[in-house]
Amino acid sequence: MTEIVRCAIVAANLNPAQLKFEAQTARVQLENADESISELPAKTEFSVKDVHWSKVRYIDPNSTLVFQAISSNIRFLAIAAARIALAAIDAETMQHGFEEALQNGSGFTLRLTAHVAENIWTTEQPKCWFVGWNRKLRVIVAH
């Protein structure tokens, strides 16, 4: 998760020192909150449109960690990791990483990969077979 957060900070052009200060302030406020994080006030003018995932390629993200996040059951983490992969990881590594994520991931990994498949396999279209669902998603990808 740390790798995805590091990449998101770069993609959103956030100031790491300011972000650290705000996170520490939020933690203190949360310790004093009666219920949950939903009680923290939102003081942001930030928009998803402000995130430029292509900036991540300049920090050379760890592809192993990115694809572990894509296999995660935490949706926002998997989606952010997929955006990082599409923007900053070379095509061959990306194809291999998504193939492994399909073999090890959840049903959400399959849905996420299907959504971006055209961007992953642009030069060659692999044939995918759904083999079965026995606590683990089993997909065979052949070229």
C-alpha atoms as a PDB file:
ATOM      1  CA  MET A   1       0.000   0.000   0.000  1.00  0.00           C
ATOM      2  CA  THR A   2       2.899   2.343   0.711  1.00  0.00           C
ATOM      3  CA  GLU A   3       4.046   2.141  -2.923  1.00  0.00           C
ATOM      4  CA  ILE A   4       0.577   3.070  -4.180  1.00  0.00           C
ATOM      5  CA  VAL A   5       0.360   6.024  -1.774  1.00  0.00           C
ATOM      6  CA  ARG A   6       3.848   7.172  -2.833  1.00  0.00           C
ATOM      7  CA  CYS A   7       2.798   7.061  -6.496  1.00  0.00           C
ATOM      8  CA  ALA A   8      -0.511   8.810  -5.788  1.00  0.00           C
ATOM      9  CA  ILE A   9       1.327  11.641  -4.012  1.00  0.00           C
ATOM     10  CA  VAL A  10       3.450  12.194  -7.115  1.00  0.00           C
ATOM     11  CA  ALA A  11       0.516  11.835  -9.531  1.00  0.00           C
ATOM     12  CA  ALA A  12      -1.579  14.341  -7.589  1.00  0.00           C
ATOM     13  CA  ASN A  13       1.375  16.722  -7.244  1.00  0.00           C
ATOM     14  CA  LEU A  14       0.923  16.851  -3.487  1.00  0.00           C
ATOM     15  CA  ASN A  15       3.437  18.403  -1.125  1.00  0.00           C
ATOM     16  CA  PRO A  16       4.728  15.486   1.004  1.00  0.00           C
ATOM     17  CA  ALA A  17       5.545  17.713   3.996  1.00  0.00           C
ATOM     18  CA  GLN A  18       2.091  19.313   3.952  1.00  0.00           C
ATOM     19  CA  LEU A  19       0.479  15.905   3.506  1.00  0.00           C
ATOM     20  CA  LYS A  20       2.403  14.521   6.489  1.00  0.00           C
ATOM     21  CA  PHE A  21       1.317  17.470   8.612  1.00  0.00           C
ATOM     22  CA  GLU A  22      -2.328  17.060   7.584  1.00  0.00           C
ATOM     23  CA  ALA A  23      -2.229  13.298   8.267  1.00  0.00           C
ATOM     24  CA  GLN A  24      -0.782  13.883  11.738  1.00  0.00           C
ATOM     25  CA  THR A  25      -3.427  16.538  12.440  1.00  0.00           C
ATOM     26  CA  ALA A  26      -6.180  14.196  11.252  1.00  0.00           C
ATOM     27  CA  ARG A  27      -4.841  11.431  13.485  1.00  0.00           C
ATOM     28  CA  VAL A  28      -4.975  13.696  16.524  1.00  0.00           C
ATOM     29  CA  GLN A  29      -8.492  14.830  15.603  1.00  0.00           C
ATOM     30  CA  LEU A  30      -9.552  11.215  15.127  1.00  0.00           C
ATOM     31  CA  GLU A  31      -8.239  10.266  18.569  1.00  0.00           C
ATOM     32  CA  ASN A  32     -10.543  12.926  19.978  1.00  0.00           C
ATOM     33  CA  ALA A  33     -13.537  12.016  17.789  1.00  0.00           C
ATOM     34  CA  ASP A  34     -16.482  10.209  19.327  1.00  0.00           C
ATOM     35  CA  GLU A  35     -17.333   7.972  16.406  1.00  0.00           C
ATOM     36  CA  SER A  36     -15.188   7.635  13.336  1.00  0.00           C
ATOM     37  CA  ILE A  37     -13.150   9.214  10.603  1.00  0.00           C
ATOM     38  CA  SER A  38     -16.394  10.502   9.070  1.00  0.00           C
ATOM     39  CA  GLU A  39     -16.398  13.160  11.792  1.00  0.00           C
ATOM     40  CA  LEU A  40     -13.248  14.760  10.411  1.00  0.00           C
ATOM     41  CA  PRO A  41     -13.990  17.917   8.433  1.00  0.00           C
ATOM     42  CA  ALA A  42     -13.105  17.855   4.745  1.00  0.00           C
ATOM     43  CA  LYS A  43     -11.056  20.902   3.831  1.00  0.00           C
ATOM     44  CA  THR A  44     -10.083  20.241   0.271  1.00  0.00           C
ATOM     45  CA  GLU A  45     -10.528  21.716  -3.138  1.00  0.00           C
ATOM     46  CA  PHE A  46      -8.833  18.696  -4.648  1.00  0.00           C
ATOM     47  CA  SER A  47     -10.410  16.918  -7.598  1.00  0.00           C
ATOM     48  CA  VAL A  48      -9.680  13.572  -9.221  1.00  0.00           C
ATOM     49  CA  LYS A  49      -9.073  15.611 -12.379  1.00  0.00           C
ATOM     50  CA  ASP A  50      -5.959  16.937 -10.614  1.00  0.00           C
ATOM     51  CA  VAL A  51      -4.333  13.491 -10.653  1.00  0.00           C
ATOM     52  CA  HIS A  52      -1.917  12.967 -13.540  1.00  0.00           C
ATOM     53  CA  TRP A  53      -0.889   9.325 -13.356  1.00  0.00           C
ATOM     54  CA  SER A  54       1.706   9.760 -16.110  1.00  0.00           C
ATOM     55  CA  LYS A  55       3.936  11.653 -13.619  1.00  0.00           C
ATOM     56  CA  VAL A  56       4.474   8.372 -11.783  1.00  0.00           C
ATOM     57  CA  ARG A  57       6.745   6.997 -14.499  1.00  0.00           C
ATOM     58  CA  TYR A  58       9.467   9.414 -13.348  1.00  0.00           C
ATOM     59  CA  ILE A  59       9.754   7.738  -9.935  1.00  0.00           C
ATOM     60  CA  ASP A  60      10.002   4.195 -11.341  1.00  0.00           C
ATOM     61  CA  PRO A  61       7.296   2.425  -9.286  1.00  0.00           C
ATOM     62  CA  ASN A  62       7.991  -1.079  -7.981  1.00  0.00           C
ATOM     63  CA  SER A  63       5.945  -3.207 -10.391  1.00  0.00           C
ATOM     64  CA  THR A  64       5.818  -6.185  -8.019  1.00  0.00           C
ATOM     65  CA  LEU A  65       4.152  -4.079  -5.333  1.00  0.00           C
ATOM     66  CA  VAL A  66       1.838  -2.432  -7.864  1.00  0.00           C
ATOM     67  CA  PHE A  67       0.552  -5.805  -9.085  1.00  0.00           C
ATOM     68  CA  GLN A  68       0.165  -7.107  -5.547  1.00  0.00           C
ATOM     69  CA  ALA A  69      -2.105  -4.111  -4.970  1.00  0.00           C
ATOM     70  CA  ILE A  70      -4.049  -4.890  -8.156  1.00  0.00           C
ATOM     71  CA  SER A  71      -4.750  -8.344  -6.687  1.00  0.00           C
ATOM     72  CA  SER A  72      -6.000  -6.737  -3.476  1.00  0.00           C
ATOM     73  CA  ASN A  73      -9.603  -6.980  -2.342  1.00  0.00           C
ATOM     74  CA  ILE A  74      -9.422  -3.295  -1.391  1.00  0.00           C
ATOM     75  CA  ARG A  75     -11.064  -1.686  -4.403  1.00  0.00           C
ATOM     76  CA  PHE A  76      -9.686   1.843  -4.210  1.00  0.00           C
ATOM     77  CA  LEU A  77      -6.183   0.397  -3.801  1.00  0.00           C
ATOM     78  CA  ALA A  78      -6.599  -1.968  -6.771  1.00  0.00           C
ATOM     79  CA  ILE A  79      -8.009   0.794  -8.984  1.00  0.00           C
ATOM     80  CA  ALA A  80      -5.199   3.214  -8.111  1.00  0.00           C
ATOM     81  CA  ALA A  81      -2.643   0.461  -8.728  1.00  0.00           C
ATOM     82  CA  ALA A  82      -4.176  -0.308 -12.140  1.00  0.00           C
ATOM     83  CA  ARG A  83      -3.959   3.374 -13.080  1.00  0.00           C
ATOM     84  CA  ILE A  84      -0.307   3.412 -12.008  1.00  0.00           C
ATOM     85  CA  ALA A  85       0.421   0.283 -14.043  1.00  0.00           C
ATOM     86  CA  LEU A  86      -1.237   1.682 -17.161  1.00  0.00           C
ATOM     87  CA  ALA A  87       0.590   5.002 -16.887  1.00  0.00           C
ATOM     88  CA  ALA A  88       4.037   4.028 -15.678  1.00  0.00           C
ATOM     89  CA  ILE A  89       4.936   0.390 -16.313  1.00  0.00           C
ATOM     90  CA  ASP A  90       6.303  -0.908 -19.604  1.00  0.00           C
ATOM     91  CA  ALA A  91       3.978  -2.999 -21.777  1.00  0.00           C
ATOM     92  CA  GLU A  92       5.696  -6.369 -21.331  1.00  0.00           C
ATOM     93  CA  THR A  93       5.906  -6.074 -17.535  1.00  0.00           C
ATOM     94  CA  MET A  94       2.325  -4.815 -17.434  1.00  0.00           C
ATOM     95  CA  GLN A  95       1.004  -7.755 -19.468  1.00  0.00           C
ATOM     96  CA  HIS A  96       2.860 -10.269 -17.316  1.00  0.00           C
ATOM     97  CA  GLY A  97       1.771  -8.520 -14.118  1.00  0.00           C
ATOM     98  CA  PHE A  98      -1.907  -8.512 -15.078  1.00  0.00           C
ATOM     99  CA  GLU A  99      -1.690 -12.184 -16.097  1.00  0.00           C
ATOM    100  CA  GLU A 100      -0.309 -13.066 -12.657  1.00  0.00           C
ATOM    101  CA  ALA A 101      -2.873 -10.830 -10.975  1.00  0.00           C
ATOM    102  CA  LEU A 102      -5.611 -12.739 -12.799  1.00  0.00           C
ATOM    103  CA  GLN A 103      -4.218 -16.038 -11.547  1.00  0.00           C
ATOM    104  CA  ASN A 104      -3.901 -14.872  -7.934  1.00  0.00           C
ATOM    105  CA  GLY A 105      -6.569 -12.209  -7.594  1.00  0.00           C
ATOM    106  CA  SER A 106     -10.221 -12.042  -6.732  1.00  0.00           C
ATOM    107  CA  GLY A 107     -13.334 -11.621  -8.816  1.00  0.00           C
ATOM    108  CA  PHE A 108     -12.764  -7.884  -8.566  1.00  0.00           C
ATOM    109  CA  THR A 109      -9.314  -8.363 -10.128  1.00  0.00           C
ATOM    110  CA  LEU A 110     -11.018 -10.068 -13.069  1.00  0.00           C
ATOM    111  CA  ARG A 111     -13.529  -7.226 -13.453  1.00  0.00           C
ATOM    112  CA  LEU A 112     -10.808  -4.594 -13.165  1.00  0.00           C
ATOM    113  CA  THR A 113      -8.598  -6.350 -15.714  1.00  0.00           C
ATOM    114  CA  ALA A 114     -11.515  -6.776 -18.121  1.00  0.00           C
ATOM    115  CA  HIS A 115     -12.168  -3.047 -17.888  1.00  0.00           C
ATOM    116  CA  VAL A 116      -8.612  -2.144 -18.944  1.00  0.00           C
ATOM    117  CA  ALA A 117      -7.801  -5.203 -21.097  1.00  0.00           C
ATOM    118  CA  GLU A 118      -7.768  -3.264 -24.350  1.00  0.00           C
ATOM    119  CA  ASN A 119      -5.062  -1.004 -22.912  1.00  0.00           C
ATOM    120  CA  ILE A 120      -3.028  -3.940 -21.621  1.00  0.00           C
ATOM    121  CA  TRP A 121      -2.954  -6.155 -24.696  1.00  0.00           C
ATOM    122  CA  THR A 122      -2.840  -3.652 -27.538  1.00  0.00           C
ATOM    123  CA  THR A 123      -0.224  -5.385 -29.698  1.00  0.00           C
ATOM    124  CA  GLU A 124      -1.369  -8.954 -29.282  1.00  0.00           C
ATOM    125  CA  GLN A 125      -4.646 -10.311 -28.069  1.00  0.00           C
ATOM    126  CA  PRO A 126      -4.209 -13.279 -25.719  1.00  0.00           C
ATOM    127  CA  LYS A 127      -6.802 -15.975 -25.445  1.00  0.00           C
ATOM    128  CA  CYS A 128      -8.164 -16.284 -21.923  1.00  0.00           C
ATOM    129  CA  TRP A 129     -10.042 -19.227 -20.543  1.00  0.00           C
ATOM    130  CA  PHE A 130     -11.960 -19.207 -17.311  1.00  0.00           C
ATOM    131  CA  VAL A 131     -10.982 -22.520 -15.741  1.00  0.00           C
ATOM    132  CA  GLY A 132     -12.918 -22.445 -12.511  1.00  0.00           C
ATOM    133  CA  TRP A 133     -13.673 -20.903  -9.210  1.00  0.00           C
ATOM    134  CA  ASN A 134     -12.463 -22.996  -6.313  1.00  0.00           C
ATOM    135  CA  ARG A 135     -11.770 -20.370  -3.644  1.00  0.00           C
ATOM    136  CA  LYS A 136      -9.327 -18.888  -6.124  1.00  0.00           C
ATOM    137  CA  LEU A 137      -9.991 -17.485  -9.546  1.00  0.00           C
ATOM    138  CA  ARG A 138      -8.315 -19.660 -12.161  1.00  0.00           C
ATOM    139  CA  VAL A 139      -7.641 -18.168 -15.564  1.00  0.00           C
ATOM    140  CA  ILE A 140      -5.276 -19.483 -18.199  1.00  0.00           C
ATOM    141  CA  VAL A 141      -3.776 -16.898 -20.529  1.00  0.00           C
ATOM    142  CA  ALA A 142      -2.166 -18.199 -23.703  1.00  0.00           C
ATOM    143  CA  HIS A 143      -0.485 -16.215 -26.461  1.00  0.00           C
END
